[in-house]
Amino acid sequence: MKVEKMENVTILLVIFMVQFMVQPGKAIINCGEVEHALAPCISYLTQDVQPYPACCNGVRKLKGMALTATDQRSLCICLRNAAKRYSNIKEDAIQTLPYKCGIKLDFPISSTFNCQW
């Protein structure tokens, strides 16, 4: 019985420590997640079509990831680098994507934008 109580106390202590180690509101932008979120947008970015709902959901997800100025810069860099890798992406489509989805980002999406504002 005492061993069981000691295990419970240990588990609670670990949970307590983890909660203090995590900093709320501090997101970590992963460029792989950014590209995955925008994968449904490829047809819009390369052809003359409207963005699909899955594409706009991806843009909405990205907006939710960028909670701080640091997050926004990181997201901007991921987006800029992803845009540079695809030669057939239309620059005007990149820039109008948030607008077409009815989502306001705090920075433009572009393959040439300086994300170090």
PDB file of N, CA and C in Angstrom:
ATOM      1  N   MET A   1       0.811  -1.184   0.000  1.00  0.00           N
ATOM      2  CA  MET A   1       0.000   0.000   0.000  1.00  0.00           C
ATOM      3  C   MET A   1       0.870   1.269   0.000  1.00  0.00           C
ATOM      4  N   LYS A   2       1.954   1.299   0.765  1.00  0.00           N
ATOM      5  CA  LYS A   2       2.833   2.458   0.832  1.00  0.00           C
ATOM      6  C   LYS A   2       3.540   2.678  -0.505  1.00  0.00           C
ATOM      7  N   VAL A   3       3.890   1.599  -1.188  1.00  0.00           N
ATOM      8  CA  VAL A   3       4.557   1.711  -2.485  1.00  0.00           C
ATOM      9  C   VAL A   3       3.610   2.371  -3.492  1.00  0.00           C
ATOM     10  N   GLU A   4       2.337   2.004  -3.447  1.00  0.00           N
ATOM     11  CA  GLU A   4       1.332   2.577  -4.334  1.00  0.00           C
ATOM     12  C   GLU A   4       1.191   4.077  -4.097  1.00  0.00           C
ATOM     13  N   LYS A   5       1.169   4.489  -2.849  1.00  0.00           N
ATOM     14  CA  LYS A   5       1.060   5.910  -2.523  1.00  0.00           C
ATOM     15  C   LYS A   5       2.293   6.662  -2.987  1.00  0.00           C
ATOM     16  N   MET A   6       3.466   6.045  -2.845  1.00  0.00           N
ATOM     17  CA  MET A   6       4.702   6.674  -3.262  1.00  0.00           C
ATOM     18  C   MET A   6       4.715   6.855  -4.788  1.00  0.00           C
ATOM     19  N   GLU A   7       4.194   5.889  -5.527  1.00  0.00           N
ATOM     20  CA  GLU A   7       4.114   5.994  -6.982  1.00  0.00           C
ATOM     21  C   GLU A   7       3.166   7.125  -7.383  1.00  0.00           C
ATOM     22  N   ASN A   8       2.046   7.228  -6.695  1.00  0.00           N
ATOM     23  CA  ASN A   8       1.090   8.295  -6.988  1.00  0.00           C
ATOM     24  C   ASN A   8       1.701   9.665  -6.725  1.00  0.00           C
ATOM     25  N   VAL A   9       2.432   9.793  -5.639  1.00  0.00           N
ATOM     26  CA  VAL A   9       3.082  11.061  -5.302  1.00  0.00           C
ATOM     27  C   VAL A   9       4.126  11.392  -6.373  1.00  0.00           C
ATOM     28  N   THR A  10       4.870  10.410  -6.816  1.00  0.00           N
ATOM     29  CA  THR A  10       5.894  10.614  -7.840  1.00  0.00           C
ATOM     30  C   THR A  10       5.252  11.091  -9.147  1.00  0.00           C
ATOM     31  N   ILE A  11       4.168  10.451  -9.533  1.00  0.00           N
ATOM     32  CA  ILE A  11       3.472  10.833 -10.762  1.00  0.00           C
ATOM     33  C   ILE A  11       2.957  12.264 -10.654  1.00  0.00           C
ATOM     34  N   LEU A  12       2.369  12.606  -9.530  1.00  0.00           N
ATOM     35  CA  LEU A  12       1.864  13.967  -9.332  1.00  0.00           C
ATOM     36  C   LEU A  12       2.996  14.986  -9.359  1.00  0.00           C
ATOM     37  N   LEU A  13       4.120  14.639  -8.780  1.00  0.00           N
ATOM     38  CA  LEU A  13       5.273  15.530  -8.774  1.00  0.00           C
ATOM     39  C   LEU A  13       5.782  15.771 -10.193  1.00  0.00           C
ATOM     40  N   VAL A  14       5.843  14.728 -10.997  1.00  0.00           N
ATOM     41  CA  VAL A  14       6.292  14.868 -12.381  1.00  0.00           C
ATOM     42  C   VAL A  14       5.328  15.764 -13.159  1.00  0.00           C
ATOM     43  N   ILE A  15       4.040  15.548 -12.994  1.00  0.00           N
ATOM     44  CA  ILE A  15       3.035  16.374 -13.677  1.00  0.00           C
ATOM     45  C   ILE A  15       3.181  17.835 -13.250  1.00  0.00           C
ATOM     46  N   PHE A  16       3.368  18.065 -11.973  1.00  0.00           N
ATOM     47  CA  PHE A  16       3.537  19.405 -11.432  1.00  0.00           C
ATOM     48  C   PHE A  16       4.766  20.079 -12.052  1.00  0.00           C
ATOM     49  N   MET A  17       5.872  19.355 -12.154  1.00  0.00           N
ATOM     50  CA  MET A  17       7.102  19.907 -12.715  1.00  0.00           C
ATOM     51  C   MET A  17       6.938  20.234 -14.195  1.00  0.00           C
ATOM     52  N   VAL A  18       6.288  19.366 -14.932  1.00  0.00           N
ATOM     53  CA  VAL A  18       6.079  19.588 -16.361  1.00  0.00           C
ATOM     54  C   VAL A  18       5.245  20.841 -16.590  1.00  0.00           C
ATOM     55  N   GLN A  19       4.242  21.064 -15.768  1.00  0.00           N
ATOM     56  CA  GLN A  19       3.403  22.249 -15.927  1.00  0.00           C
ATOM     57  C   GLN A  19       4.205  23.533 -15.753  1.00  0.00           C
ATOM     58  N   PHE A  20       5.180  23.530 -14.898  1.00  0.00           N
ATOM     59  CA  PHE A  20       5.987  24.725 -14.699  1.00  0.00           C
ATOM     60  C   PHE A  20       7.055  24.884 -15.768  1.00  0.00           C
ATOM     61  N   MET A  21       7.440  23.811 -16.411  1.00  0.00           N
ATOM     62  CA  MET A  21       8.443  23.881 -17.465  1.00  0.00           C
ATOM     63  C   MET A  21       7.847  24.409 -18.765  1.00  0.00           C
ATOM     64  N   VAL A  22       6.580  24.155 -19.038  1.00  0.00           N
ATOM     65  CA  VAL A  22       5.926  24.607 -20.258  1.00  0.00           C
ATOM     66  C   VAL A  22       5.530  26.062 -20.089  1.00  0.00           C
ATOM     67  N   GLN A  23       5.850  26.873 -21.073  1.00  0.00           N
ATOM     68  CA  GLN A  23       5.515  28.289 -21.018  1.00  0.00           C
ATOM     69  C   GLN A  23       4.258  28.511 -21.853  1.00  0.00           C
ATOM     70  N   PRO A  24       3.133  28.832 -21.236  1.00  0.00           N
ATOM     71  CA  PRO A  24       1.893  29.036 -21.984  1.00  0.00           C
ATOM     72  C   PRO A  24       2.030  30.146 -23.013  1.00  0.00           C
ATOM     73  N   GLY A  25       1.396  29.947 -24.169  1.00  0.00           N
ATOM     74  CA  GLY A  25       1.385  30.959 -25.206  1.00  0.00           C
ATOM     75  C   GLY A  25       2.648  31.000 -26.033  1.00  0.00           C
ATOM     76  N   LYS A  26       3.599  30.142 -25.760  1.00  0.00           N
ATOM     77  CA  LYS A  26       4.835  30.158 -26.512  1.00  0.00           C
ATOM     78  C   LYS A  26       4.832  28.967 -27.460  1.00  0.00           C
ATOM     79  N   ALA A  27       4.418  29.210 -28.665  1.00  0.00           N
ATOM     80  CA  ALA A  27       4.314  28.143 -29.650  1.00  0.00           C
ATOM     81  C   ALA A  27       5.667  27.917 -30.314  1.00  0.00           C
ATOM     82  N   ILE A  28       5.843  26.742 -30.806  1.00  0.00           N
ATOM     83  CA  ILE A  28       7.037  26.412 -31.570  1.00  0.00           C
ATOM     84  C   ILE A  28       6.555  26.123 -32.987  1.00  0.00           C
ATOM     85  N   ILE A  29       7.018  26.917 -33.938  1.00  0.00           N
ATOM     86  CA  ILE A  29       6.604  26.757 -35.319  1.00  0.00           C
ATOM     87  C   ILE A  29       7.487  25.701 -35.972  1.00  0.00           C
ATOM     88  N   ASN A  30       6.857  24.686 -36.517  1.00  0.00           N
ATOM     89  CA  ASN A  30       7.541  23.609 -37.203  1.00  0.00           C
ATOM     90  C   ASN A  30       7.243  23.770 -38.692  1.00  0.00           C
ATOM     91  N   CYS A  31       8.275  23.969 -39.500  1.00  0.00           N
ATOM     92  CA  CYS A  31       8.060  24.219 -40.931  1.00  0.00           C
ATOM     93  C   CYS A  31       7.390  23.028 -41.622  1.00  0.00           C
ATOM     94  N   GLY A  32       7.626  21.832 -41.140  1.00  0.00           N
ATOM     95  CA  GLY A  32       6.942  20.667 -41.709  1.00  0.00           C
ATOM     96  C   GLY A  32       5.431  20.758 -41.496  1.00  0.00           C
ATOM     97  N   GLU A  33       5.016  21.199 -40.315  1.00  0.00           N
ATOM     98  CA  GLU A  33       3.584  21.379 -40.034  1.00  0.00           C
ATOM     99  C   GLU A  33       2.998  22.488 -40.894  1.00  0.00           C
ATOM    100  N   VAL A  34       3.776  23.529 -41.117  1.00  0.00           N
ATOM    101  CA  VAL A  34       3.325  24.644 -41.952  1.00  0.00           C
ATOM    102  C   VAL A  34       3.054  24.149 -43.370  1.00  0.00           C
ATOM    103  N   GLU A  35       3.995  23.395 -43.918  1.00  0.00           N
ATOM    104  CA  GLU A  35       3.831  22.882 -45.282  1.00  0.00           C
ATOM    105  C   GLU A  35       2.682  21.882 -45.358  1.00  0.00           C
ATOM    106  N   HIS A  36       2.523  21.082 -44.336  1.00  0.00           N
ATOM    107  CA  HIS A  36       1.413  20.123 -44.309  1.00  0.00           C
ATOM    108  C   HIS A  36       0.073  20.857 -44.294  1.00  0.00           C
ATOM    109  N   ALA A  37      -0.009  21.938 -43.516  1.00  0.00           N
ATOM    110  CA  ALA A  37      -1.248  22.704 -43.434  1.00  0.00           C
ATOM    111  C   ALA A  37      -1.597  23.338 -44.782  1.00  0.00           C
ATOM    112  N   LEU A  38      -0.575  23.689 -45.551  1.00  0.00           N
ATOM    113  CA  LEU A  38      -0.816  24.346 -46.834  1.00  0.00           C
ATOM    114  C   LEU A  38      -0.847  23.393 -48.027  1.00  0.00           C
ATOM    115  N   ALA A  39      -0.622  22.124 -47.798  1.00  0.00           N
ATOM    116  CA  ALA A  39      -0.638  21.155 -48.909  1.00  0.00           C
ATOM    117  C   ALA A  39      -1.938  21.214 -49.719  1.00  0.00           C
ATOM    118  N   PRO A  40      -3.108  21.377 -49.071  1.00  0.00           N
ATOM    119  CA  PRO A  40      -4.343  21.461 -49.864  1.00  0.00           C
ATOM    120  C   PRO A  40      -4.435  22.734 -50.717  1.00  0.00           C
ATOM    121  N   CYS A  41      -3.491  23.644 -50.568  1.00  0.00           N
ATOM    122  CA  CYS A  41      -3.525  24.910 -51.305  1.00  0.00           C
ATOM    123  C   CYS A  41      -2.737  24.859 -52.608  1.00  0.00           C
ATOM    124  N   ILE A  42      -2.051  23.777 -52.865  1.00  0.00           N
ATOM    125  CA  ILE A  42      -1.177  23.702 -54.046  1.00  0.00           C
ATOM    126  C   ILE A  42      -1.940  23.995 -55.336  1.00  0.00           C
ATOM    127  N   SER A  43      -3.140  23.441 -55.491  1.00  0.00           N
ATOM    128  CA  SER A  43      -3.882  23.693 -56.730  1.00  0.00           C
ATOM    129  C   SER A  43      -4.213  25.178 -56.884  1.00  0.00           C
ATOM    130  N   TYR A  44      -4.552  25.837 -55.793  1.00  0.00           N
ATOM    131  CA  TYR A  44      -4.818  27.275 -55.857  1.00  0.00           C
ATOM    132  C   TYR A  44      -3.543  28.042 -56.186  1.00  0.00           C
ATOM    133  N   LEU A  45      -2.435  27.640 -55.604  1.00  0.00           N
ATOM    134  CA  LEU A  45      -1.182  28.374 -55.767  1.00  0.00           C
ATOM    135  C   LEU A  45      -0.535  28.167 -57.135  1.00  0.00           C
ATOM    136  N   THR A  46      -0.936  27.126 -57.844  1.00  0.00           N
ATOM    137  CA  THR A  46      -0.301  26.828 -59.129  1.00  0.00           C
ATOM    138  C   THR A  46      -1.250  26.957 -60.321  1.00  0.00           C
ATOM    139  N   GLN A  47      -2.548  27.010 -60.065  1.00  0.00           N
ATOM    140  CA  GLN A  47      -3.526  27.065 -61.156  1.00  0.00           C
ATOM    141  C   GLN A  47      -4.500  28.218 -60.897  1.00  0.00           C
ATOM    142  N   ASP A  48      -5.350  28.452 -61.855  1.00  0.00           N
ATOM    143  CA  ASP A  48      -6.357  29.502 -61.706  1.00  0.00           C
ATOM    144  C   ASP A  48      -7.652  28.915 -61.169  1.00  0.00           C
ATOM    145  N   VAL A  49      -7.642  28.547 -59.891  1.00  0.00           N
ATOM    146  CA  VAL A  49      -8.839  28.003 -59.231  1.00  0.00           C
ATOM    147  C   VAL A  49      -9.013  28.725 -57.904  1.00  0.00           C
ATOM    148  N   GLN A  50     -10.166  28.561 -57.295  1.00  0.00           N
ATOM    149  CA  GLN A  50     -10.415  29.116 -55.969  1.00  0.00           C
ATOM    150  C   GLN A  50      -9.830  28.155 -54.922  1.00  0.00           C
ATOM    151  N   PRO A  51      -9.404  28.684 -53.765  1.00  0.00           N
ATOM    152  CA  PRO A  51      -8.894  27.778 -52.723  1.00  0.00           C
ATOM    153  C   PRO A  51     -10.023  26.912 -52.157  1.00  0.00           C
ATOM    154  N   TYR A  52      -9.726  25.651 -51.970  1.00  0.00           N
ATOM    155  CA  TYR A  52     -10.685  24.712 -51.390  1.00  0.00           C
ATOM    156  C   TYR A  52     -10.838  24.984 -49.897  1.00  0.00           C
ATOM    157  N   PRO A  53     -11.960  24.557 -49.296  1.00  0.00           N
ATOM    158  CA  PRO A  53     -12.141  24.743 -47.845  1.00  0.00           C
ATOM    159  C   PRO A  53     -10.988  24.143 -47.025  1.00  0.00           C
ATOM    160  N   ALA A  54     -10.446  23.010 -47.448  1.00  0.00           N
ATOM    161  CA  ALA A  54      -9.323  22.404 -46.709  1.00  0.00           C
ATOM    162  C   ALA A  54      -8.103  23.321 -46.729  1.00  0.00           C
ATOM    163  N   CYS A  55      -7.927  24.031 -47.829  1.00  0.00           N
ATOM    164  CA  CYS A  55      -6.826  24.989 -47.933  1.00  0.00           C
ATOM    165  C   CYS A  55      -7.031  26.125 -46.925  1.00  0.00           C
ATOM    166  N   CYS A  56      -8.227  26.688 -46.906  1.00  0.00           N
ATOM    167  CA  CYS A  56      -8.517  27.795 -45.983  1.00  0.00           C
ATOM    168  C   CYS A  56      -8.430  27.338 -44.525  1.00  0.00           C
ATOM    169  N   ASN A  57      -8.798  26.094 -44.262  1.00  0.00           N
ATOM    170  CA  ASN A  57      -8.637  25.552 -42.909  1.00  0.00           C
ATOM    171  C   ASN A  57      -7.167  25.507 -42.537  1.00  0.00           C
ATOM    172  N   GLY A  58      -6.315  25.188 -43.501  1.00  0.00           N
ATOM    173  CA  GLY A  58      -4.873  25.176 -43.261  1.00  0.00           C
ATOM    174  C   GLY A  58      -4.346  26.570 -42.957  1.00  0.00           C
ATOM    175  N   VAL A  59      -4.823  27.565 -43.701  1.00  0.00           N
ATOM    176  CA  VAL A  59      -4.412  28.957 -43.449  1.00  0.00           C
ATOM    177  C   VAL A  59      -4.882  29.387 -42.056  1.00  0.00           C
ATOM    178  N   ARG A  60      -6.093  28.996 -41.697  1.00  0.00           N
ATOM    179  CA  ARG A  60      -6.638  29.314 -40.363  1.00  0.00           C
ATOM    180  C   ARG A  60      -5.772  28.672 -39.273  1.00  0.00           C
ATOM    181  N   LYS A  61      -5.338  27.448 -39.531  1.00  0.00           N
ATOM    182  CA  LYS A  61      -4.471  26.749 -38.567  1.00  0.00           C
ATOM    183  C   LYS A  61      -3.157  27.508 -38.394  1.00  0.00           C
ATOM    184  N   LEU A  62      -2.608  27.989 -39.498  1.00  0.00           N
ATOM    185  CA  LEU A  62      -1.351  28.737 -39.423  1.00  0.00           C
ATOM    186  C   LEU A  62      -1.519  30.014 -38.611  1.00  0.00           C
ATOM    187  N   LYS A  63      -2.627  30.705 -38.822  1.00  0.00           N
ATOM    188  CA  LYS A  63      -2.883  31.923 -38.042  1.00  0.00           C
ATOM    189  C   LYS A  63      -2.923  31.588 -36.556  1.00  0.00           C
ATOM    190  N   GLY A  64      -3.527  30.468 -36.201  1.00  0.00           N
ATOM    191  CA  GLY A  64      -3.600  30.051 -34.810  1.00  0.00           C
ATOM    192  C   GLY A  64      -2.250  29.660 -34.222  1.00  0.00           C
ATOM    193  N   MET A  65      -1.311  29.285 -35.085  1.00  0.00           N
ATOM    194  CA  MET A  65       0.025  28.913 -34.614  1.00  0.00           C
ATOM    195  C   MET A  65       0.866  30.144 -34.281  1.00  0.00           C
ATOM    196  N   ALA A  66       0.576  31.252 -34.924  1.00  0.00           N
ATOM    197  CA  ALA A  66       1.412  32.450 -34.804  1.00  0.00           C
ATOM    198  C   ALA A  66       0.824  33.409 -33.778  1.00  0.00           C
ATOM    199  N   LEU A  67       1.020  33.107 -32.513  1.00  0.00           N
ATOM    200  CA  LEU A  67       0.424  33.896 -31.434  1.00  0.00           C
ATOM    201  C   LEU A  67       1.277  35.078 -30.994  1.00  0.00           C
ATOM    202  N   THR A  68       2.574  34.978 -31.185  1.00  0.00           N
ATOM    203  CA  THR A  68       3.476  36.048 -30.756  1.00  0.00           C
ATOM    204  C   THR A  68       4.230  36.581 -31.970  1.00  0.00           C
ATOM    205  N   ALA A  69       4.918  37.696 -31.801  1.00  0.00           N
ATOM    206  CA  ALA A  69       5.717  38.261 -32.897  1.00  0.00           C
ATOM    207  C   ALA A  69       6.810  37.285 -33.323  1.00  0.00           C
ATOM    208  N   THR A  70       7.403  36.596 -32.372  1.00  0.00           N
ATOM    209  CA  THR A  70       8.430  35.599 -32.691  1.00  0.00           C
ATOM    210  C   THR A  70       7.839  34.458 -33.514  1.00  0.00           C
ATOM    211  N   ASP A  71       6.650  34.005 -33.119  1.00  0.00           N
ATOM    212  CA  ASP A  71       5.965  32.951 -33.874  1.00  0.00           C
ATOM    213  C   ASP A  71       5.654  33.425 -35.285  1.00  0.00           C
ATOM    214  N   GLN A  72       5.211  34.673 -35.416  1.00  0.00           N
ATOM    215  CA  GLN A  72       4.871  35.212 -36.729  1.00  0.00           C
ATOM    216  C   GLN A  72       6.096  35.284 -37.625  1.00  0.00           C
ATOM    217  N   ARG A  73       7.234  35.688 -37.062  1.00  0.00           N
ATOM    218  CA  ARG A  73       8.470  35.724 -37.848  1.00  0.00           C
ATOM    219  C   ARG A  73       8.864  34.316 -38.290  1.00  0.00           C
ATOM    220  N   SER A  74       8.776  33.361 -37.378  1.00  0.00           N
ATOM    221  CA  SER A  74       9.125  31.976 -37.714  1.00  0.00           C
ATOM    222  C   SER A  74       8.201  31.434 -38.802  1.00  0.00           C
ATOM    223  N   LEU A  75       6.911  31.699 -38.665  1.00  0.00           N
ATOM    224  CA  LEU A  75       5.944  31.257 -39.659  1.00  0.00           C
ATOM    225  C   LEU A  75       6.225  31.919 -40.999  1.00  0.00           C
ATOM    226  N   CYS A  76       6.504  33.199 -40.977  1.00  0.00           N
ATOM    227  CA  CYS A  76       6.828  33.941 -42.191  1.00  0.00           C
ATOM    228  C   CYS A  76       8.025  33.313 -42.903  1.00  0.00           C
ATOM    229  N   ILE A  77       9.058  32.977 -42.154  1.00  0.00           N
ATOM    230  CA  ILE A  77      10.259  32.364 -42.734  1.00  0.00           C
ATOM    231  C   ILE A  77       9.922  31.003 -43.345  1.00  0.00           C
ATOM    232  N   CYS A  78       9.143  30.195 -42.627  1.00  0.00           N
ATOM    233  CA  CYS A  78       8.733  28.893 -43.162  1.00  0.00           C
ATOM    234  C   CYS A  78       7.963  29.059 -44.470  1.00  0.00           C
ATOM    235  N   LEU A  79       7.029  30.006 -44.491  1.00  0.00           N
ATOM    236  CA  LEU A  79       6.222  30.238 -45.684  1.00  0.00           C
ATOM    237  C   LEU A  79       7.076  30.749 -46.843  1.00  0.00           C
ATOM    238  N   ARG A  80       7.952  31.680 -46.552  1.00  0.00           N
ATOM    239  CA  ARG A  80       8.826  32.238 -47.599  1.00  0.00           C
ATOM    240  C   ARG A  80       9.715  31.150 -48.191  1.00  0.00           C
ATOM    241  N   ASN A  81      10.309  30.325 -47.320  1.00  0.00           N
ATOM    242  CA  ASN A  81      11.193  29.274 -47.804  1.00  0.00           C
ATOM    243  C   ASN A  81      10.436  28.210 -48.598  1.00  0.00           C
ATOM    244  N   ALA A  82       9.228  27.882 -48.155  1.00  0.00           N
ATOM    245  CA  ALA A  82       8.410  26.914 -48.888  1.00  0.00           C
ATOM    246  C   ALA A  82       8.050  27.476 -50.258  1.00  0.00           C
ATOM    247  N   ALA A  83       7.696  28.754 -50.318  1.00  0.00           N
ATOM    248  CA  ALA A  83       7.331  29.378 -51.595  1.00  0.00           C
ATOM    249  C   ALA A  83       8.509  29.386 -52.565  1.00  0.00           C
ATOM    250  N   LYS A  84       9.717  29.566 -52.059  1.00  0.00           N
ATOM    251  CA  LYS A  84      10.907  29.592 -52.917  1.00  0.00           C
ATOM    252  C   LYS A  84      11.212  28.224 -53.531  1.00  0.00           C
ATOM    253  N   ARG A  85      10.825  27.156 -52.848  1.00  0.00           N
ATOM    254  CA  ARG A  85      11.142  25.808 -53.327  1.00  0.00           C
ATOM    255  C   ARG A  85      10.291  25.369 -54.518  1.00  0.00           C
ATOM    256  N   TYR A  86       9.148  25.994 -54.707  1.00  0.00           N
ATOM    257  CA  TYR A  86       8.242  25.597 -55.779  1.00  0.00           C
ATOM    258  C   TYR A  86       8.262  26.655 -56.875  1.00  0.00           C
ATOM    259  N   SER A  87       8.877  26.321 -58.001  1.00  0.00           N
ATOM    260  CA  SER A  87       9.032  27.307 -59.077  1.00  0.00           C
ATOM    261  C   SER A  87       7.718  27.610 -59.795  1.00  0.00           C
ATOM    262  N   ASN A  88       6.737  26.700 -59.707  1.00  0.00           N
ATOM    263  CA  ASN A  88       5.486  26.916 -60.435  1.00  0.00           C
ATOM    264  C   ASN A  88       4.406  27.613 -59.607  1.00  0.00           C
ATOM    265  N   ILE A  89       4.744  28.044 -58.399  1.00  0.00           N
ATOM    266  CA  ILE A  89       3.774  28.769 -57.569  1.00  0.00           C
ATOM    267  C   ILE A  89       3.698  30.213 -58.051  1.00  0.00           C
ATOM    268  N   LYS A  90       2.482  30.698 -58.197  1.00  0.00           N
ATOM    269  CA  LYS A  90       2.258  32.070 -58.658  1.00  0.00           C
ATOM    270  C   LYS A  90       2.346  33.028 -57.472  1.00  0.00           C
ATOM    271  N   GLU A  91       3.199  34.025 -57.606  1.00  0.00           N
ATOM    272  CA  GLU A  91       3.426  34.980 -56.514  1.00  0.00           C
ATOM    273  C   GLU A  91       2.134  35.708 -56.138  1.00  0.00           C
ATOM    274  N   ASP A  92       1.319  36.077 -57.119  1.00  0.00           N
ATOM    275  CA  ASP A  92       0.078  36.780 -56.785  1.00  0.00           C
ATOM    276  C   ASP A  92      -0.887  35.872 -56.023  1.00  0.00           C
ATOM    277  N   ALA A  93      -0.859  34.575 -56.312  1.00  0.00           N
ATOM    278  CA  ALA A  93      -1.714  33.627 -55.584  1.00  0.00           C
ATOM    279  C   ALA A  93      -1.249  33.495 -54.133  1.00  0.00           C
ATOM    280  N   ILE A  94       0.064  33.483 -53.938  1.00  0.00           N
ATOM    281  CA  ILE A  94       0.611  33.408 -52.572  1.00  0.00           C
ATOM    282  C   ILE A  94       0.122  34.606 -51.758  1.00  0.00           C
ATOM    283  N   GLN A  95       0.244  35.775 -52.354  1.00  0.00           N
ATOM    284  CA  GLN A  95      -0.077  37.006 -51.633  1.00  0.00           C
ATOM    285  C   GLN A  95      -1.570  37.152 -51.356  1.00  0.00           C
ATOM    286  N   THR A  96      -2.430  36.611 -52.226  1.00  0.00           N
ATOM    287  CA  THR A  96      -3.873  36.785 -52.044  1.00  0.00           C
ATOM    288  C   THR A  96      -4.529  35.630 -51.283  1.00  0.00           C
ATOM    289  N   LEU A  97      -3.780  34.582 -50.981  1.00  0.00           N
ATOM    290  CA  LEU A  97      -4.370  33.409 -50.330  1.00  0.00           C
ATOM    291  C   LEU A  97      -5.116  33.745 -49.040  1.00  0.00           C
ATOM    292  N   PRO A  98      -4.521  34.455 -48.086  1.00  0.00           N
ATOM    293  CA  PRO A  98      -5.281  34.755 -46.858  1.00  0.00           C
ATOM    294  C   PRO A  98      -6.567  35.527 -47.159  1.00  0.00           C
ATOM    295  N   TYR A  99      -6.488  36.508 -48.060  1.00  0.00           N
ATOM    296  CA  TYR A  99      -7.665  37.302 -48.423  1.00  0.00           C
ATOM    297  C   TYR A  99      -8.754  36.415 -49.030  1.00  0.00           C
ATOM    298  N   LYS A 100      -8.365  35.528 -49.942  1.00  0.00           N
ATOM    299  CA  LYS A 100      -9.340  34.636 -50.584  1.00  0.00           C
ATOM    300  C   LYS A 100     -10.025  33.732 -49.568  1.00  0.00           C
ATOM    301  N   CYS A 101      -9.335  33.430 -48.481  1.00  0.00           N
ATOM    302  CA  CYS A 101      -9.903  32.579 -47.433  1.00  0.00           C
ATOM    303  C   CYS A 101     -10.612  33.395 -46.349  1.00  0.00           C
ATOM    304  N   GLY A 102     -10.561  34.728 -46.467  1.00  0.00           N
ATOM    305  CA  GLY A 102     -11.204  35.577 -45.471  1.00  0.00           C
ATOM    306  C   GLY A 102     -10.469  35.597 -44.147  1.00  0.00           C
ATOM    307  N   ILE A 103      -9.142  35.449 -44.212  1.00  0.00           N
ATOM    308  CA  ILE A 103      -8.320  35.389 -43.004  1.00  0.00           C
ATOM    309  C   ILE A 103      -7.273  36.502 -43.070  1.00  0.00           C
ATOM    310  N   LYS A 104      -7.152  37.260 -41.996  1.00  0.00           N
ATOM    311  CA  LYS A 104      -6.163  38.334 -41.955  1.00  0.00           C
ATOM    312  C   LYS A 104      -4.922  37.851 -41.215  1.00  0.00           C
ATOM    313  N   LEU A 105      -3.813  37.832 -41.929  1.00  0.00           N
ATOM    314  CA  LEU A 105      -2.522  37.556 -41.292  1.00  0.00           C
ATOM    315  C   LEU A 105      -1.851  38.891 -41.013  1.00  0.00           C
ATOM    316  N   ASP A 106      -0.970  38.923 -40.054  1.00  0.00           N
ATOM    317  CA  ASP A 106      -0.294  40.162 -39.676  1.00  0.00           C
ATOM    318  C   ASP A 106       0.960  40.421 -40.501  1.00  0.00           C
ATOM    319  N   PHE A 107       1.157  39.643 -41.547  1.00  0.00           N
ATOM    320  CA  PHE A 107       2.288  39.831 -42.442  1.00  0.00           C
ATOM    321  C   PHE A 107       1.903  39.228 -43.792  1.00  0.00           C
ATOM    322  N   PRO A 108       2.510  39.707 -44.867  1.00  0.00           N
ATOM    323  CA  PRO A 108       2.189  39.141 -46.173  1.00  0.00           C
ATOM    324  C   PRO A 108       2.887  37.796 -46.373  1.00  0.00           C
ATOM    325  N   ILE A 109       2.294  36.963 -47.198  1.00  0.00           N
ATOM    326  CA  ILE A 109       2.952  35.727 -47.607  1.00  0.00           C
ATOM    327  C   ILE A 109       3.592  36.018 -48.949  1.00  0.00           C
ATOM    328  N   SER A 110       4.883  35.776 -49.047  1.00  0.00           N
ATOM    329  CA  SER A 110       5.603  36.069 -50.274  1.00  0.00           C
ATOM    330  C   SER A 110       6.908  35.294 -50.286  1.00  0.00           C
ATOM    331  N   SER A 111       7.405  35.024 -51.473  1.00  0.00           N
ATOM    332  CA  SER A 111       8.707  34.349 -51.568  1.00  0.00           C
ATOM    333  C   SER A 111       9.851  35.341 -51.402  1.00  0.00           C
ATOM    334  N   THR A 112       9.542  36.635 -51.361  1.00  0.00           N
ATOM    335  CA  THR A 112      10.590  37.652 -51.258  1.00  0.00           C
ATOM    336  C   THR A 112      10.475  38.544 -50.028  1.00  0.00           C
ATOM    337  N   PHE A 113       9.441  38.369 -49.218  1.00  0.00           N
ATOM    338  CA  PHE A 113       9.212  39.243 -48.063  1.00  0.00           C
ATOM    339  C   PHE A 113      10.321  39.092 -47.026  1.00  0.00           C
ATOM    340  N   ASN A 114      10.782  40.196 -46.467  1.00  0.00           N
ATOM    341  CA  ASN A 114      11.774  40.176 -45.398  1.00  0.00           C
ATOM    342  C   ASN A 114      11.048  39.944 -44.070  1.00  0.00           C
ATOM    343  N   CYS A 115      11.213  38.783 -43.500  1.00  0.00           N
ATOM    344  CA  CYS A 115      10.492  38.391 -42.291  1.00  0.00           C
ATOM    345  C   CYS A 115      11.123  38.930 -41.013  1.00  0.00           C
ATOM    346  N   GLN A 116      12.163  39.705 -41.108  1.00  0.00           N
ATOM    347  CA  GLN A 116      12.847  40.221 -39.917  1.00  0.00           C
ATOM    348  C   GLN A 116      12.370  41.613 -39.542  1.00  0.00           C
ATOM    349  N   TRP A 117      11.063  41.842 -39.539  1.00  0.00           N
ATOM    350  CA  TRP A 117      10.510  43.167 -39.227  1.00  0.00           C
ATOM    351  C   TRP A 117      10.671  43.511 -37.788  1.00  0.00           C
TER     352      TRP A 117
END
